[in-house]
Amino acid sequence: MTTAVNRQFIIFNINEVNKIEFAEVLETSIDTVRKSIDGTKTFVKWEGTTPECIKTLTTAEGPYNLEEIAVILESEQWSELIT
């Protein structure tokens, strides 16, 4: 049995989101993926073997583990700073 700590994450340009087979990843649809602040990037996560659709991405960054993606998602590119 896998847990959240075994998840892998890949960041990629939003213009490639149509390549994702949502049955193979843990997001549900193109409408529910989280986007970067500027709307140009998104990410998906999975457990176990890397899905084939991930291998077709040409702008992929990663894969990242849970600890690595948490740091990335706290950055200005992904989270608005509250002042």
C-alpha atoms as a PDB file:
ATOM      1  CA  MET A   1       0.000   0.000   0.000  1.00  0.00           C
ATOM      2  CA  THR A   2       1.352   3.428  -0.930  1.00  0.00           C
ATOM      3  CA  THR A   3       0.971   6.596   1.080  1.00  0.00           C
ATOM      4  CA  ALA A   4       1.314  10.302   0.388  1.00  0.00           C
ATOM      5  CA  VAL A   5       5.032  10.101   1.138  1.00  0.00           C
ATOM      6  CA  ASN A   6       5.421   7.760  -1.847  1.00  0.00           C
ATOM      7  CA  ARG A   7       3.775  10.152  -4.271  1.00  0.00           C
ATOM      8  CA  GLN A   8       5.667  11.670  -7.155  1.00  0.00           C
ATOM      9  CA  PHE A   9       4.934  15.096  -8.652  1.00  0.00           C
ATOM     10  CA  ILE A  10       5.756  16.591 -12.036  1.00  0.00           C
ATOM     11  CA  ILE A  11       5.490  20.261 -12.988  1.00  0.00           C
ATOM     12  CA  PHE A  12       4.860  21.187 -16.612  1.00  0.00           C
ATOM     13  CA  ASN A  13       3.554  23.961 -18.856  1.00  0.00           C
ATOM     14  CA  ILE A  14      -0.217  24.320 -18.780  1.00  0.00           C
ATOM     15  CA  ASN A  15      -0.356  24.078 -22.584  1.00  0.00           C
ATOM     16  CA  GLU A  16       0.480  20.356 -22.227  1.00  0.00           C
ATOM     17  CA  VAL A  17      -2.326  19.540 -19.780  1.00  0.00           C
ATOM     18  CA  ASN A  18      -4.335  17.984 -22.625  1.00  0.00           C
ATOM     19  CA  LYS A  19      -1.721  15.177 -22.726  1.00  0.00           C
ATOM     20  CA  ILE A  20      -2.654  14.020 -19.217  1.00  0.00           C
ATOM     21  CA  GLU A  21      -4.782  10.903 -18.866  1.00  0.00           C
ATOM     22  CA  PHE A  22      -6.568  11.801 -15.628  1.00  0.00           C
ATOM     23  CA  ALA A  23      -7.398   8.153 -14.907  1.00  0.00           C
ATOM     24  CA  GLU A  24      -3.612   7.600 -14.503  1.00  0.00           C
ATOM     25  CA  VAL A  25      -2.933  10.438 -12.026  1.00  0.00           C
ATOM     26  CA  LEU A  26      -4.437  11.603  -8.739  1.00  0.00           C
ATOM     27  CA  GLU A  27      -6.049  14.778 -10.105  1.00  0.00           C
ATOM     28  CA  THR A  28      -9.565  14.473 -11.438  1.00  0.00           C
ATOM     29  CA  SER A  29      -9.705  16.775 -14.460  1.00  0.00           C
ATOM     30  CA  ILE A  30      -8.226  19.694 -16.357  1.00  0.00           C
ATOM     31  CA  ASP A  31     -10.538  21.931 -14.326  1.00  0.00           C
ATOM     32  CA  THR A  32      -9.142  20.872 -10.946  1.00  0.00           C
ATOM     33  CA  VAL A  33      -5.376  21.106 -11.451  1.00  0.00           C
ATOM     34  CA  ARG A  34      -3.579  23.793  -9.491  1.00  0.00           C
ATOM     35  CA  LYS A  35      -1.906  26.465 -11.590  1.00  0.00           C
ATOM     36  CA  SER A  36       1.061  28.702 -10.883  1.00  0.00           C
ATOM     37  CA  ILE A  37       0.301  32.325  -9.984  1.00  0.00           C
ATOM     38  CA  ASP A  38       0.932  33.448 -13.574  1.00  0.00           C
ATOM     39  CA  GLY A  39      -1.173  30.563 -14.940  1.00  0.00           C
ATOM     40  CA  THR A  40       1.615  29.114 -17.098  1.00  0.00           C
ATOM     41  CA  LYS A  41       2.423  25.931 -15.147  1.00  0.00           C
ATOM     42  CA  THR A  42       0.603  23.146 -13.391  1.00  0.00           C
ATOM     43  CA  PHE A  43       1.462  19.800 -11.840  1.00  0.00           C
ATOM     44  CA  VAL A  44       0.048  16.339 -11.321  1.00  0.00           C
ATOM     45  CA  LYS A  45       0.834  13.586  -8.866  1.00  0.00           C
ATOM     46  CA  TRP A  46       0.771   9.806  -8.937  1.00  0.00           C
ATOM     47  CA  GLU A  47       1.783   6.797  -6.916  1.00  0.00           C
ATOM     48  CA  GLY A  48       3.793   3.851  -8.168  1.00  0.00           C
ATOM     49  CA  THR A  49       5.002   3.552 -11.743  1.00  0.00           C
ATOM     50  CA  THR A  50       5.278   6.737 -13.778  1.00  0.00           C
ATOM     51  CA  PRO A  51       2.199   6.970 -16.038  1.00  0.00           C
ATOM     52  CA  GLU A  52       2.858   6.849 -19.783  1.00  0.00           C
ATOM     53  CA  CYS A  53       1.192  10.236 -20.280  1.00  0.00           C
ATOM     54  CA  ILE A  54       3.813  11.833 -18.007  1.00  0.00           C
ATOM     55  CA  LYS A  55       6.568  10.478 -20.248  1.00  0.00           C
ATOM     56  CA  THR A  56       5.120  12.416 -23.219  1.00  0.00           C
ATOM     57  CA  LEU A  57       5.495  15.826 -21.556  1.00  0.00           C
ATOM     58  CA  THR A  58       8.205  17.952 -23.175  1.00  0.00           C
ATOM     59  CA  THR A  59       8.236  20.691 -20.503  1.00  0.00           C
ATOM     60  CA  ALA A  60       8.373  18.383 -17.470  1.00  0.00           C
ATOM     61  CA  GLU A  61      10.250  19.454 -14.346  1.00  0.00           C
ATOM     62  CA  GLY A  62      10.857  16.687 -11.824  1.00  0.00           C
ATOM     63  CA  PRO A  63       9.738  14.256 -10.664  1.00  0.00           C
ATOM     64  CA  TYR A  64       9.675  15.611  -7.136  1.00  0.00           C
ATOM     65  CA  ASN A  65       8.817  13.879  -3.879  1.00  0.00           C
ATOM     66  CA  LEU A  66       6.371  15.296  -1.322  1.00  0.00           C
ATOM     67  CA  GLU A  67       9.009  17.231   0.603  1.00  0.00           C
ATOM     68  CA  GLU A  68      10.469  18.789  -2.553  1.00  0.00           C
ATOM     69  CA  ILE A  69       7.116  19.825  -4.030  1.00  0.00           C
ATOM     70  CA  ALA A  70       6.044  21.373  -0.711  1.00  0.00           C
ATOM     71  CA  VAL A  71       9.025  23.743  -0.856  1.00  0.00           C
ATOM     72  CA  ILE A  72       8.320  24.606  -4.495  1.00  0.00           C
ATOM     73  CA  LEU A  73       4.631  25.299  -3.837  1.00  0.00           C
ATOM     74  CA  GLU A  74       5.541  27.735  -1.065  1.00  0.00           C
ATOM     75  CA  SER A  75       7.543  29.855  -3.530  1.00  0.00           C
ATOM     76  CA  GLU A  76       6.329  33.129  -5.041  1.00  0.00           C
ATOM     77  CA  GLN A  77       5.666  31.347  -8.335  1.00  0.00           C
ATOM     78  CA  TRP A  78       2.976  29.199  -6.698  1.00  0.00           C
ATOM     79  CA  SER A  79       1.749  31.106  -3.638  1.00  0.00           C
ATOM     80  CA  GLU A  80       0.757  34.719  -3.317  1.00  0.00           C
ATOM     81  CA  LEU A  81       2.568  36.568  -0.582  1.00  0.00           C
ATOM     82  CA  ILE A  82       0.292  38.066   2.039  1.00  0.00           C
ATOM     83  CA  THR A  83       1.460  41.463   3.275  1.00  0.00           C
END
